[in-house]
Protein backbone atom coordinates (compact mmCIF):
# COMPACT_ATOMS: atom_id res chain seq x y z
CA UNK A 1 0.00 0.00 0.00
CA UNK A 2 1.03 3.64 -0.04
CA UNK A 3 0.14 5.14 -3.41
CA UNK A 4 -0.51 8.82 -4.09
CA UNK A 5 0.49 11.72 -1.87
CA UNK A 6 -1.08 13.76 0.87
CA UNK A 7 -2.89 16.95 -0.11
CA UNK A 8 -4.21 19.49 2.39
CA UNK A 9 -7.25 20.19 0.22
CA UNK A 10 -8.29 16.54 0.60
CA UNK A 11 -8.18 16.99 4.36
CA UNK A 12 -10.36 20.09 4.06
CA UNK A 13 -12.93 18.07 2.10
CA UNK A 14 -12.88 15.22 4.59
CA UNK A 15 -13.13 17.61 7.53
CA UNK A 16 -16.17 19.23 5.94
CA UNK A 17 -17.79 15.91 5.00
CA UNK A 18 -17.36 14.52 8.54
CA UNK A 19 -18.28 17.83 10.19
CA UNK A 20 -15.00 17.87 12.13
CA UNK A 21 -14.40 21.01 14.14
CA UNK A 22 -12.55 22.18 17.23
CA UNK A 23 -15.41 21.06 19.46
CA UNK A 24 -15.70 17.53 18.03
CA UNK A 25 -15.59 14.84 20.72
CA UNK A 26 -14.38 11.26 20.56
CA UNK A 27 -17.98 10.15 19.98
CA UNK A 28 -18.36 12.64 17.12
CA UNK A 29 -15.10 11.60 15.46
CA UNK A 30 -14.95 7.84 15.97
CA UNK A 31 -18.37 6.44 15.20
CA UNK A 32 -17.58 2.75 14.83
CA UNK A 33 -19.35 0.62 17.44
CA UNK A 34 -17.06 -2.39 17.01
CA UNK A 35 -13.75 -3.16 15.37
CA UNK A 36 -14.02 -3.04 11.60
CA UNK A 37 -12.71 -6.16 9.81
CA UNK A 38 -10.15 -4.21 7.76
CA UNK A 39 -8.54 -2.94 10.99
CA UNK A 40 -8.41 -6.33 12.72
CA UNK A 41 -4.84 -7.69 12.92
CA UNK A 42 -6.11 -11.25 13.38
CA UNK A 43 -4.88 -13.40 10.51
CA UNK A 44 -2.99 -10.57 8.81
CA UNK A 45 0.23 -11.88 7.30
CA UNK A 46 1.75 -8.49 6.50
CA UNK A 47 0.93 -4.83 6.22
CA UNK A 48 3.23 -3.54 3.48
CA UNK A 49 4.94 -0.22 2.83
CA UNK A 50 6.09 -0.61 -0.77
CA UNK A 51 7.91 1.69 -3.16
CA UNK A 52 5.82 2.89 -6.12
CA UNK A 53 5.97 5.37 -8.96
CA UNK A 54 4.42 7.98 -6.66
CA UNK A 55 6.70 7.08 -3.75
CA UNK A 56 9.94 5.54 -5.06
CA UNK A 57 11.78 5.85 -1.72
CA UNK A 58 9.07 5.05 0.83
CA UNK A 59 9.58 5.40 4.57
CA UNK A 60 7.32 3.45 6.92
CA UNK A 61 5.95 5.38 9.91
CA UNK A 62 3.72 3.79 12.55
CA UNK A 63 1.81 5.92 15.06
CA UNK A 64 0.18 3.94 17.86
CA UNK A 65 -2.46 5.75 19.93
CA UNK A 66 -3.70 4.61 23.33
CA UNK A 67 -7.51 4.46 22.92
CA UNK A 68 -8.37 3.49 26.48
CA UNK A 69 -10.73 5.61 28.52
CA UNK A 70 -8.25 8.11 29.93
CA UNK A 71 -6.79 8.97 26.53
CA UNK A 72 -9.80 10.29 24.64
CA UNK A 73 -8.30 13.77 24.44
CA UNK A 74 -5.33 12.41 22.45
CA UNK A 75 -7.49 10.81 19.76
CA UNK A 76 -9.61 13.97 19.59
CA UNK A 77 -6.50 16.09 19.11
CA UNK A 78 -5.08 13.87 16.36
CA UNK A 79 -8.32 13.75 14.38
CA UNK A 80 -9.23 17.42 14.77
CA UNK A 81 -6.09 18.62 13.02
CA UNK A 82 -2.79 17.29 14.38
CA UNK A 83 -2.66 14.57 11.72
CA UNK A 84 -3.09 17.10 8.92
CA UNK A 85 -0.44 19.41 10.35
CA UNK A 86 1.96 16.51 10.95
CA UNK A 87 1.70 15.48 7.30
CA UNK A 88 2.22 19.05 6.11
CA UNK A 89 5.28 19.46 8.35
CA UNK A 90 6.75 16.16 7.12
CA UNK A 91 6.36 17.24 3.49
CA UNK A 92 7.68 20.72 4.26
CA UNK A 93 10.69 19.72 6.40
CA UNK A 94 11.51 16.42 4.66
CA UNK A 95 12.80 14.46 7.66
CA UNK A 96 12.22 11.29 5.62
CA UNK A 97 11.44 10.48 2.02
CA UNK A 98 7.97 9.50 0.80
CA UNK A 99 6.21 8.89 4.15
CA UNK A 100 3.81 5.98 4.45
CA UNK A 101 1.80 6.16 7.68
CA UNK A 102 0.02 3.41 9.59
CA UNK A 103 -2.13 4.19 12.60
CA UNK A 104 -2.62 1.71 15.39
CA UNK A 105 -5.24 1.90 18.14
CA UNK A 106 -3.87 0.29 21.28
CA UNK A 107 -5.80 -1.06 24.26
CA UNK A 108 -5.30 -3.91 26.70
CA UNK A 109 -4.85 -7.48 25.46
CA UNK A 110 -5.66 -8.76 28.94
CA UNK A 111 -9.16 -7.30 28.98
CA UNK A 112 -10.31 -5.50 25.82
CA UNK A 113 -12.33 -6.87 22.93
CA UNK A 114 -10.22 -4.93 20.40
CA UNK A 115 -6.79 -4.48 22.01
CA UNK A 116 -5.10 -3.63 18.69
CA UNK A 117 -6.40 -2.13 15.46
CA UNK A 118 -4.13 -1.42 12.50
CA UNK A 119 -4.67 0.60 9.34
CA UNK A 120 -2.79 0.02 6.12
CA UNK A 121 0.33 2.03 5.35
CA UNK A 122 -1.00 4.98 3.33
CA UNK A 123 0.47 8.07 1.69
CA UNK A 124 -2.67 10.07 0.92
CA UNK A 125 -5.97 11.08 2.56
CA UNK A 126 -6.72 7.43 3.27
CA UNK A 127 -4.44 7.92 6.29
CA UNK A 128 -7.15 10.07 7.89
CA UNK A 129 -10.08 8.10 6.51
CA UNK A 130 -8.84 4.87 8.05
CA UNK A 131 -7.99 6.57 11.34
CA UNK A 132 -11.60 7.71 11.64
CA UNK A 133 -12.74 4.10 11.16
CA UNK A 134 -11.12 3.14 14.47
CA UNK A 135 -13.36 1.72 17.17
CA UNK A 136 -12.73 3.79 20.29
CA UNK A 137 -13.35 1.06 22.85
CA UNK A 138 -12.40 3.33 25.73
CA UNK A 139 -11.79 0.59 28.26
CA UNK A 140 -8.40 -0.62 29.49
CA UNK A 141 -8.14 -3.11 32.26
CA UNK A 142 -7.38 -1.02 35.34
CA UNK A 143 -4.52 -3.44 35.87
CA UNK A 144 -1.47 -1.20 35.97
CA UNK A 145 -0.72 -0.93 32.28
CA UNK A 146 -1.74 -1.15 28.64
CA UNK A 147 -0.55 -3.38 25.80
CA UNK A 148 1.76 -1.05 23.90
CA UNK A 149 3.97 -4.08 23.22
CA UNK A 150 1.30 -5.31 20.76
CA UNK A 151 2.51 -2.54 18.47
CA UNK A 152 6.06 -3.84 18.60
CA UNK A 153 4.97 -7.44 18.01
CA UNK A 154 2.95 -6.46 14.94
CA UNK A 155 5.69 -4.21 13.56
CA UNK A 156 8.35 -6.88 13.98
CA UNK A 157 6.41 -9.85 12.64
CA UNK A 158 3.59 -8.54 10.48
CA UNK A 159 4.99 -5.65 8.45
CA UNK A 160 7.10 -5.62 5.30
CA UNK A 161 8.73 -2.26 4.63
CA UNK A 162 10.83 -1.47 1.57
CA UNK A 163 12.85 1.20 3.35
CA UNK A 164 14.40 -1.59 5.42
CA UNK A 165 14.16 -4.54 3.03
CA UNK A 166 15.61 -2.66 0.03
CA UNK A 167 17.69 0.16 1.51
CA UNK A 168 18.49 -1.02 5.04
CA UNK A 169 16.98 2.19 6.43
CA UNK A 170 14.77 1.84 9.46
CA UNK A 171 11.20 3.04 9.60
CA UNK A 172 9.80 4.90 12.61
CA UNK A 173 7.39 3.73 15.28
CA UNK A 174 5.83 6.12 17.80
CA UNK A 175 3.46 5.02 20.54
CA UNK A 176 1.66 7.53 22.75
CA UNK A 177 -0.08 6.87 26.05
CA UNK A 178 -0.16 7.59 29.78
CA UNK A 179 0.20 4.17 31.43
CA UNK A 180 2.96 1.66 31.98
CA UNK A 181 3.60 -1.03 29.39
CA UNK A 182 2.58 -4.56 30.32
CA UNK A 183 5.74 -6.55 30.82
CA UNK A 184 4.72 -9.74 29.02
CA UNK A 185 2.70 -10.85 26.01
CA UNK A 186 1.45 -14.38 26.54
CA UNK A 187 0.98 -17.18 24.04
CA UNK A 188 -2.77 -17.00 24.70
CA UNK A 189 -2.87 -13.26 23.97
CA UNK A 190 -0.84 -13.71 20.76
CA UNK A 191 -3.29 -16.35 19.55
CA UNK A 192 -6.35 -14.24 20.43
CA UNK A 193 -5.13 -10.96 18.93
CA UNK A 194 -3.10 -12.13 15.94
CA UNK A 195 -4.10 -15.73 15.33
CA UNK A 196 -0.45 -16.73 15.35
CA UNK A 197 -0.15 -20.43 16.19
CA UNK A 198 3.60 -20.78 15.67
CA UNK A 199 4.46 -18.91 18.86
CA UNK A 200 5.24 -21.40 21.61
CA UNK A 201 6.17 -18.99 24.36
CA UNK A 202 5.41 -15.67 25.95
CA UNK A 203 7.60 -12.65 25.26
CA UNK A 204 8.80 -9.87 27.48
CA UNK A 205 8.25 -6.26 26.49
CA UNK A 206 12.02 -5.81 26.23
CA UNK A 207 12.33 -8.77 23.86
CA UNK A 208 9.66 -7.36 21.57
CA UNK A 209 11.10 -3.85 21.72
CA UNK A 210 14.50 -5.21 20.72
CA UNK A 211 13.04 -7.30 17.90
CA UNK A 212 11.02 -4.43 16.43
CA UNK A 213 14.04 -2.12 16.81
CA UNK A 214 15.85 -4.15 14.18
CA UNK A 215 13.81 -2.40 11.48
CA UNK A 216 12.18 0.56 13.28
CA UNK A 217 13.42 3.53 15.27
CA UNK A 218 11.08 3.34 18.24
CA UNK A 219 9.93 6.06 20.62
CA UNK A 220 7.21 6.18 23.26
CA UNK A 221 5.64 9.46 24.32
CA UNK A 222 4.43 9.24 27.91
CA UNK A 223 1.53 11.60 28.51
CA UNK A 224 1.82 13.23 31.94
CA UNK A 225 -1.84 12.69 32.80
CA UNK A 226 -4.22 9.85 33.62
CA UNK A 227 -2.23 6.95 35.03
CA UNK A 228 1.08 8.82 34.79
CA UNK A 229 1.34 9.96 38.39
CA UNK A 230 0.00 7.03 40.39
CA UNK A 231 1.68 4.43 38.16
CA UNK A 232 4.97 6.32 37.98
CA UNK A 233 4.83 5.44 34.30
CA UNK A 234 7.52 7.92 33.28
CA UNK A 235 10.06 6.12 35.41
CA UNK A 236 8.76 2.73 34.32
CA UNK A 237 9.10 3.56 30.63
CA UNK A 238 12.56 5.00 31.10
CA UNK A 239 13.68 1.81 32.82
CA UNK A 240 12.28 -0.17 29.88
CA UNK A 241 13.53 1.76 26.84
CA UNK A 242 15.85 4.44 28.22
CA UNK A 243 15.91 7.80 26.50
CA UNK A 244 13.59 6.56 23.75
CA UNK A 245 10.90 7.36 26.32
CA UNK A 246 9.73 10.98 26.21
CA UNK A 247 7.44 12.66 28.73
CA UNK A 248 4.94 15.24 27.49
CA UNK A 249 2.42 17.50 29.19
CA UNK A 250 -1.04 17.37 27.56
CA UNK A 251 -0.89 21.16 27.20
CA UNK A 252 2.04 20.66 24.80
CA UNK A 253 0.14 18.38 22.40
CA UNK A 254 -0.27 21.37 20.10
CA UNK A 255 3.41 20.96 19.12
CA UNK A 256 3.23 17.18 18.58
CA UNK A 257 3.89 17.56 14.82
CA UNK A 258 7.10 19.48 15.56
CA UNK A 259 8.12 16.82 18.08
CA UNK A 260 7.64 13.95 15.65
CA UNK A 261 9.49 15.72 12.85
CA UNK A 262 12.32 16.71 15.21
CA UNK A 263 12.74 13.12 16.42
CA UNK A 264 12.95 11.84 12.87
CA UNK A 265 15.44 14.51 11.85
CA UNK A 266 17.62 13.96 14.90
CA UNK A 267 17.64 10.20 14.40
CA UNK A 268 18.67 10.77 10.79
CA UNK A 269 21.65 12.83 11.97
CA UNK A 270 20.51 16.45 11.73
CA UNK A 271 22.20 18.76 14.24
CA UNK A 272 20.01 19.84 17.18
CA UNK A 273 20.58 23.57 16.64
CA UNK A 274 19.61 23.24 13.00
CA UNK A 275 16.44 21.37 13.95
CA UNK A 276 15.37 23.96 16.50
CA UNK A 277 16.10 26.86 14.13
CA UNK A 278 13.17 25.80 11.92
CA UNK A 279 10.60 26.15 14.73
CA UNK A 280 9.04 29.10 16.51
CA UNK A 281 7.55 29.77 19.94
CA UNK A 282 6.83 26.93 22.32
CA UNK A 283 7.99 24.27 19.88
CA UNK A 284 11.58 25.44 20.28
CA UNK A 285 11.58 24.85 24.04
CA UNK A 286 9.60 21.61 24.03
CA UNK A 287 11.55 20.01 21.17
CA UNK A 288 14.80 21.33 22.61
CA UNK A 289 14.19 19.63 25.96
CA UNK A 290 13.37 16.37 24.22
CA UNK A 291 16.45 16.44 22.00
CA UNK A 292 18.69 17.20 24.97
CA UNK A 293 17.28 14.12 26.66
CA UNK A 294 18.22 12.02 23.63
CA UNK A 295 21.80 13.25 24.01
CA UNK A 296 21.88 12.14 27.66
CA UNK A 297 23.10 8.62 28.49
CA UNK A 298 20.18 6.41 29.47
CA UNK A 299 19.52 6.44 33.20
CA UNK A 300 16.19 5.20 34.55
CA UNK A 301 16.38 7.66 37.43
CA UNK A 302 17.16 10.75 35.32
CA UNK A 303 14.20 12.99 34.51
CA UNK A 304 14.59 16.19 32.53
């Protein structure tokens, strides 16, 4: 998948057709009442990000959103306009070539009916159309974490991406949520969510992070709200993935596009000062703090 290219006018049409505005709620935006078959990862062999005439040097980008009850504001923010602005910033700043974006909706494989939903990799307005098909289950298990590691399992074992297969360049994988990551994915959960019968063991979160990191640059953005404080999820994530864990205040979500672009540029080797020089206002400070953290040796007890 991944033909065509993203056009802002197509977003304007979709926004008008879906009556999306700054007051739209989760219920207004995400109208599915169950998981749609085309978003179900069960039985999916691969989601593919393939080069094409439109996109001859594709780059796979996965954005995984926590869709449990405490994270409704994130999904609202993405659908109201952050997705559109992220795409425009990617095309304007060119941190990667020919972006192909997959969205994932992440819940809890220990309790939810639809703990993972996955779109195709797309390069045009279908990115937004498929995002709006997501079933916002809004549950989560109240069990000290969510199943962000499902994203890593799927990326490692059920995606084929030409940027890595053909050019040995990693894609990018961003997950965003407020809770800790469950520490294990069991054989039973793998069978229920993915239908994979060849897995004869459970996997730790660290094992799956390492496996997916072979072909993706992975980051997790810890939202400093919801379960963040009482779970100490910032510390937990930092102990799991080091400085690839980034803490963000909800009030700074308005600069999420600048954050994502900055992380891609920095990972690709662009100098921090050069990255920050392209931004204005709050984005300079927020992105600057994040990039300084990336330059700091990993320490689970260090918080910027």
